[in-house]
């Protein structure tokens, strides 16, 4: 069993629970109200859902951003009790000499309990996105295979392109998986790093199109290359270890 060591960057002292200043808040993208065609793979029953406007963090929450919350006393130190939290849980299919990828402050944070992810989002005035909010921000109102469209991944839009071709110079270092490294892979709503990790945490809602996201504490959306955005699932320990998360703020 491995511990997840959070890299504590130098942060100005602040009182317990004080949210970050506007200059330290994660960057967000505005997503306008829309009618979403929900559902994932071809052959799955789809439905139309009206989604209100919201803001969502442009990138998954990083190790450094979560460290700020810990320093403020609003988030627990992310010492995992969830089993193996070595680098493959953070960077799918990539292990670099057994090094711990989570020591890179710009990597998406994984290996945290669901409650810790929710605490961070609450600290910045938000919550985990629902399935419909995530889908609308990740691919727009109509189904596409990847965040950037239906064309295959390249090293410019996702480091996972290295997993399906023999020799591209991407996806071979931890820096390739840092947030913001692949802006050409942005979605139609301009969020980036969609499914940079194996899964992203979602909030449950009784109105969710998927049964997996109607009960429990959270669910996850999953996807790999070349499969694309695959679907949602109930949270299991291996998936939770590999899941990153982002936060939603309701438009006032």
Protein backbone atom coordinates (compact mmCIF):
# COMPACT_ATOMS: atom_id res chain seq x y z
CA UNK A 1 0.00 0.00 0.00
CA UNK A 2 1.41 3.33 -1.01
CA UNK A 3 0.80 6.74 0.41
CA UNK A 4 -0.05 9.63 -1.84
CA UNK A 5 2.39 12.40 -1.06
CA UNK A 6 1.01 15.83 -1.88
CA UNK A 7 3.64 18.30 -2.96
CA UNK A 8 3.16 21.29 -0.71
CA UNK A 9 4.05 24.36 -2.72
CA UNK A 10 4.94 27.60 -0.97
CA UNK A 11 1.65 29.28 -0.12
CA UNK A 12 0.97 32.44 1.83
CA UNK A 13 -0.40 31.77 5.28
CA UNK A 14 -4.17 32.08 5.58
CA UNK A 15 -6.80 31.39 8.17
CA UNK A 16 -8.54 28.04 8.36
CA UNK A 17 -11.09 27.54 5.62
CA UNK A 18 -10.48 30.88 3.91
CA UNK A 19 -11.20 30.38 0.19
CA UNK A 20 -8.51 31.34 -2.33
CA UNK A 21 -8.28 34.89 -3.61
CA UNK A 22 -9.67 35.63 -7.05
CA UNK A 23 -6.17 35.49 -8.48
CA UNK A 24 -5.61 32.00 -7.06
CA UNK A 25 -8.96 30.49 -8.09
CA UNK A 26 -8.83 27.77 -10.73
CA UNK A 27 -9.61 29.08 -14.20
CA UNK A 28 -13.21 28.41 -15.23
CA UNK A 29 -15.16 28.30 -18.48
CA UNK A 30 -18.73 29.54 -18.89
CA UNK A 31 -21.16 27.02 -20.36
CA UNK A 32 -24.44 28.46 -21.56
CA UNK A 33 -27.86 26.91 -21.06
CA UNK A 34 -28.57 24.29 -23.71
CA UNK A 35 -30.60 21.26 -24.64
CA UNK A 36 -28.25 18.32 -24.28
CA UNK A 37 -28.55 15.05 -26.16
CA UNK A 38 -27.53 12.76 -23.36
CA UNK A 39 -26.12 9.27 -23.70
CA UNK A 40 -22.80 7.92 -24.89
CA UNK A 41 -22.17 5.02 -27.27
CA UNK A 42 -24.06 4.32 -30.47
CA UNK A 43 -27.00 2.05 -29.77
CA UNK A 44 -27.62 3.43 -26.29
CA UNK A 45 -30.97 5.09 -25.75
CA UNK A 46 -30.54 8.85 -25.89
CA UNK A 47 -32.73 11.59 -24.49
CA UNK A 48 -32.93 15.37 -24.54
CA UNK A 49 -32.25 17.22 -21.30
CA UNK A 50 -32.39 20.95 -20.59
CA UNK A 51 -29.28 22.10 -18.72
CA UNK A 52 -29.04 25.51 -17.03
CA UNK A 53 -25.97 27.73 -17.46
CA UNK A 54 -22.98 27.08 -15.19
CA UNK A 55 -19.23 27.56 -14.90
CA UNK A 56 -16.79 24.67 -14.71
CA UNK A 57 -13.07 24.56 -14.01
CA UNK A 58 -11.27 24.52 -17.33
CA UNK A 59 -8.84 21.85 -16.18
CA UNK A 60 -8.95 19.05 -13.61
CA UNK A 61 -7.93 20.19 -10.13
CA UNK A 62 -4.19 19.87 -9.72
CA UNK A 63 -1.93 18.64 -6.93
CA UNK A 64 -0.84 22.24 -6.26
CA UNK A 65 -4.40 23.59 -6.12
CA UNK A 66 -5.46 20.92 -3.65
CA UNK A 67 -2.37 21.69 -1.57
CA UNK A 68 -3.66 25.25 -1.18
CA UNK A 69 -6.88 23.87 0.30
CA UNK A 70 -4.91 21.69 2.71
CA UNK A 71 -2.82 24.69 3.76
CA UNK A 72 -6.00 26.67 4.40
CA UNK A 73 -7.29 23.89 6.67
CA UNK A 74 -10.33 23.22 4.49
CA UNK A 75 -9.17 19.90 2.99
CA UNK A 76 -7.65 16.81 4.50
CA UNK A 77 -4.12 15.74 3.69
CA UNK A 78 -4.58 13.24 0.89
CA UNK A 79 -2.89 10.22 2.42
CA UNK A 80 -4.59 7.44 0.56
CA UNK A 81 -6.08 4.46 2.35
CA UNK A 82 -7.47 3.15 -0.92
CA UNK A 83 -4.74 0.73 -1.92
CA UNK A 84 -2.02 1.19 -4.49
CA UNK A 85 -1.70 4.84 -5.45
CA UNK A 86 1.46 4.57 -7.52
CA UNK A 87 1.99 6.39 -10.79
CA UNK A 88 -0.13 4.15 -13.07
CA UNK A 89 -3.19 5.30 -11.10
CA UNK A 90 -2.34 8.87 -12.01
CA UNK A 91 -0.93 8.46 -15.51
CA UNK A 92 -2.69 5.57 -17.27
CA UNK A 93 -0.39 3.06 -18.95
CA UNK A 94 2.70 5.13 -18.14
CA UNK A 95 5.18 4.19 -15.44
CA UNK A 96 8.52 5.96 -15.44
CA UNK A 97 10.99 3.93 -13.41
CA UNK A 98 8.48 3.57 -10.60
CA UNK A 99 8.51 7.31 -9.87
CA UNK A 100 5.57 8.92 -8.11
CA UNK A 101 3.87 11.15 -10.64
CA UNK A 102 1.86 12.94 -7.99
CA UNK A 103 4.95 14.87 -6.93
CA UNK A 104 4.47 17.04 -10.03
CA UNK A 105 2.29 19.96 -8.82
CA UNK A 106 0.67 20.52 -12.22
CA UNK A 107 -0.63 16.99 -12.64
CA UNK A 108 -4.33 16.35 -12.06
CA UNK A 109 -4.92 15.20 -8.51
CA UNK A 110 -6.06 11.60 -8.14
CA UNK A 111 -6.14 9.06 -5.32
CA UNK A 112 -8.29 11.16 -3.01
CA UNK A 113 -11.51 10.02 -1.31
CA UNK A 114 -14.75 11.31 -2.80
CA UNK A 115 -15.34 13.43 0.30
CA UNK A 116 -11.99 15.16 -0.21
CA UNK A 117 -12.89 16.09 -3.79
CA UNK A 118 -16.23 17.46 -2.60
CA UNK A 119 -14.50 19.44 0.16
CA UNK A 120 -12.22 21.11 -2.34
CA UNK A 121 -15.08 22.08 -4.63
CA UNK A 122 -17.06 23.45 -1.68
CA UNK A 123 -13.99 25.45 -0.62
CA UNK A 124 -13.99 27.34 -3.92
CA UNK A 125 -17.77 27.76 -3.88
CA UNK A 126 -18.79 24.86 -6.07
CA UNK A 127 -19.42 21.13 -6.23
CA UNK A 128 -18.71 18.17 -8.48
CA UNK A 129 -20.44 18.37 -11.89
CA UNK A 130 -23.48 16.25 -12.64
CA UNK A 131 -23.42 13.85 -15.56
CA UNK A 132 -25.35 16.30 -17.77
CA UNK A 133 -23.12 19.24 -16.86
CA UNK A 134 -19.98 17.24 -17.54
CA UNK A 135 -21.25 15.97 -20.89
CA UNK A 136 -22.34 19.41 -22.04
CA UNK A 137 -18.97 20.92 -21.15
CA UNK A 138 -16.91 17.97 -22.44
CA UNK A 139 -18.48 17.50 -25.87
CA UNK A 140 -21.15 20.14 -26.40
CA UNK A 141 -24.86 19.56 -26.81
CA UNK A 142 -24.61 16.74 -29.38
CA UNK A 143 -22.60 13.49 -29.14
CA UNK A 144 -19.05 13.39 -30.46
CA UNK A 145 -16.43 10.75 -29.84
CA UNK A 146 -13.77 12.92 -28.26
CA UNK A 147 -13.76 16.38 -26.71
CA UNK A 148 -12.21 17.84 -29.87
CA UNK A 149 -14.46 16.00 -32.38
CA UNK A 150 -14.55 12.63 -34.12
CA UNK A 151 -11.04 12.55 -35.58
CA UNK A 152 -8.44 10.32 -33.98
CA UNK A 153 -6.18 11.61 -31.24
CA UNK A 154 -2.82 13.14 -32.05
CA UNK A 155 0.01 14.24 -29.80
CA UNK A 156 -1.32 17.79 -30.12
CA UNK A 157 -4.67 17.08 -28.47
CA UNK A 158 -4.08 14.21 -26.01
CA UNK A 159 -0.97 12.48 -24.64
CA UNK A 160 -2.85 9.20 -24.85
CA UNK A 161 -2.20 9.16 -28.59
CA UNK A 162 1.04 7.43 -27.64
CA UNK A 163 -0.88 4.40 -26.39
CA UNK A 164 -2.25 3.42 -29.78
CA UNK A 165 0.66 4.22 -32.10
CA UNK A 166 4.20 2.86 -31.86
CA UNK A 167 6.44 5.90 -31.72
CA UNK A 168 4.96 9.38 -31.20
CA UNK A 169 6.90 11.66 -28.88
CA UNK A 170 4.02 12.22 -26.49
CA UNK A 171 2.77 10.58 -23.34
CA UNK A 172 6.27 9.54 -22.33
CA UNK A 173 6.96 11.91 -19.42
CA UNK A 174 4.90 13.18 -16.52
CA UNK A 175 5.07 16.66 -18.04
CA UNK A 176 3.00 15.37 -20.97
CA UNK A 177 0.15 14.80 -18.52
CA UNK A 178 0.26 18.19 -16.84
CA UNK A 179 -2.95 20.20 -17.16
CA UNK A 180 -3.00 22.79 -19.93
CA UNK A 181 -0.40 21.00 -22.04
CA UNK A 182 -2.80 20.17 -24.90
CA UNK A 183 -5.02 23.18 -25.67
CA UNK A 184 -5.77 21.83 -29.16
CA UNK A 185 -7.74 19.06 -27.45
CA UNK A 186 -10.24 21.53 -25.96
CA UNK A 187 -13.96 20.80 -26.18
CA UNK A 188 -16.51 23.02 -27.99
CA UNK A 189 -17.09 24.81 -24.67
CA UNK A 190 -13.31 25.35 -24.29
CA UNK A 191 -12.64 23.03 -21.34
CA UNK A 192 -9.37 21.15 -21.61
CA UNK A 193 -7.84 17.85 -20.54
CA UNK A 194 -11.06 15.88 -20.85
CA UNK A 195 -10.31 12.40 -19.47
CA UNK A 196 -6.61 13.13 -19.11
CA UNK A 197 -6.84 10.43 -16.44
CA UNK A 198 -8.85 7.21 -16.69
CA UNK A 199 -11.97 8.73 -15.18
CA UNK A 200 -13.47 11.93 -13.75
CA UNK A 201 -15.66 12.11 -10.65
CA UNK A 202 -19.28 13.24 -11.03
CA UNK A 203 -21.96 14.21 -8.54
CA UNK A 204 -25.07 12.09 -8.22
CA UNK A 205 -28.49 13.42 -9.15
CA UNK A 206 -31.92 11.84 -9.08
CA UNK A 207 -32.46 13.37 -12.54
CA UNK A 208 -29.39 11.77 -14.10
CA UNK A 209 -29.88 9.90 -17.37
CA UNK A 210 -27.73 7.03 -16.06
CA UNK A 211 -28.75 4.79 -13.18
CA UNK A 212 -25.14 4.71 -11.91
CA UNK A 213 -25.33 8.45 -11.21
CA UNK A 214 -28.65 8.46 -9.34
CA UNK A 215 -27.52 6.86 -6.08
CA UNK A 216 -24.50 6.79 -3.79
CA UNK A 217 -21.93 9.47 -3.05
CA UNK A 218 -20.61 9.93 -6.59
CA UNK A 219 -20.20 8.26 -9.96
CA UNK A 220 -17.53 8.48 -12.63
CA UNK A 221 -17.34 9.12 -16.34
CA UNK A 222 -14.79 6.95 -18.09
CA UNK A 223 -12.96 6.91 -21.39
CA UNK A 224 -9.80 5.72 -23.06
CA UNK A 225 -8.15 6.09 -26.44
CA UNK A 226 -9.04 5.08 -29.05
CA UNK A 227 -12.49 4.45 -27.57
CA UNK A 228 -13.27 8.04 -26.65
CA UNK A 229 -15.87 9.12 -24.07
CA UNK A 230 -17.34 5.79 -23.05
CA UNK A 231 -19.95 6.13 -20.34
CA UNK A 232 -20.63 6.49 -16.64
CA UNK A 233 -20.23 3.92 -13.91
CA UNK A 234 -20.65 3.46 -10.21
CA UNK A 235 -17.54 4.21 -8.18
CA UNK A 236 -15.36 1.20 -7.43
CA UNK A 237 -12.02 1.35 -5.64
CA UNK A 238 -9.79 0.97 -8.74
CA UNK A 239 -11.76 3.60 -10.66
CA UNK A 240 -11.81 6.01 -7.73
CA UNK A 241 -8.04 5.75 -7.38
CA UNK A 242 -7.58 6.75 -11.01
CA UNK A 243 -10.21 9.50 -11.13
CA UNK A 244 -9.44 13.20 -11.34
CA UNK A 245 -12.12 15.82 -10.77
CA UNK A 246 -13.19 19.34 -11.65
CA UNK A 247 -15.70 21.67 -10.03
CA UNK A 248 -18.89 23.44 -11.15
CA UNK A 249 -20.22 26.78 -10.00
CA UNK A 250 -23.84 27.67 -10.68
CA UNK A 251 -24.48 30.88 -12.61
CA UNK A 252 -26.31 33.43 -10.47
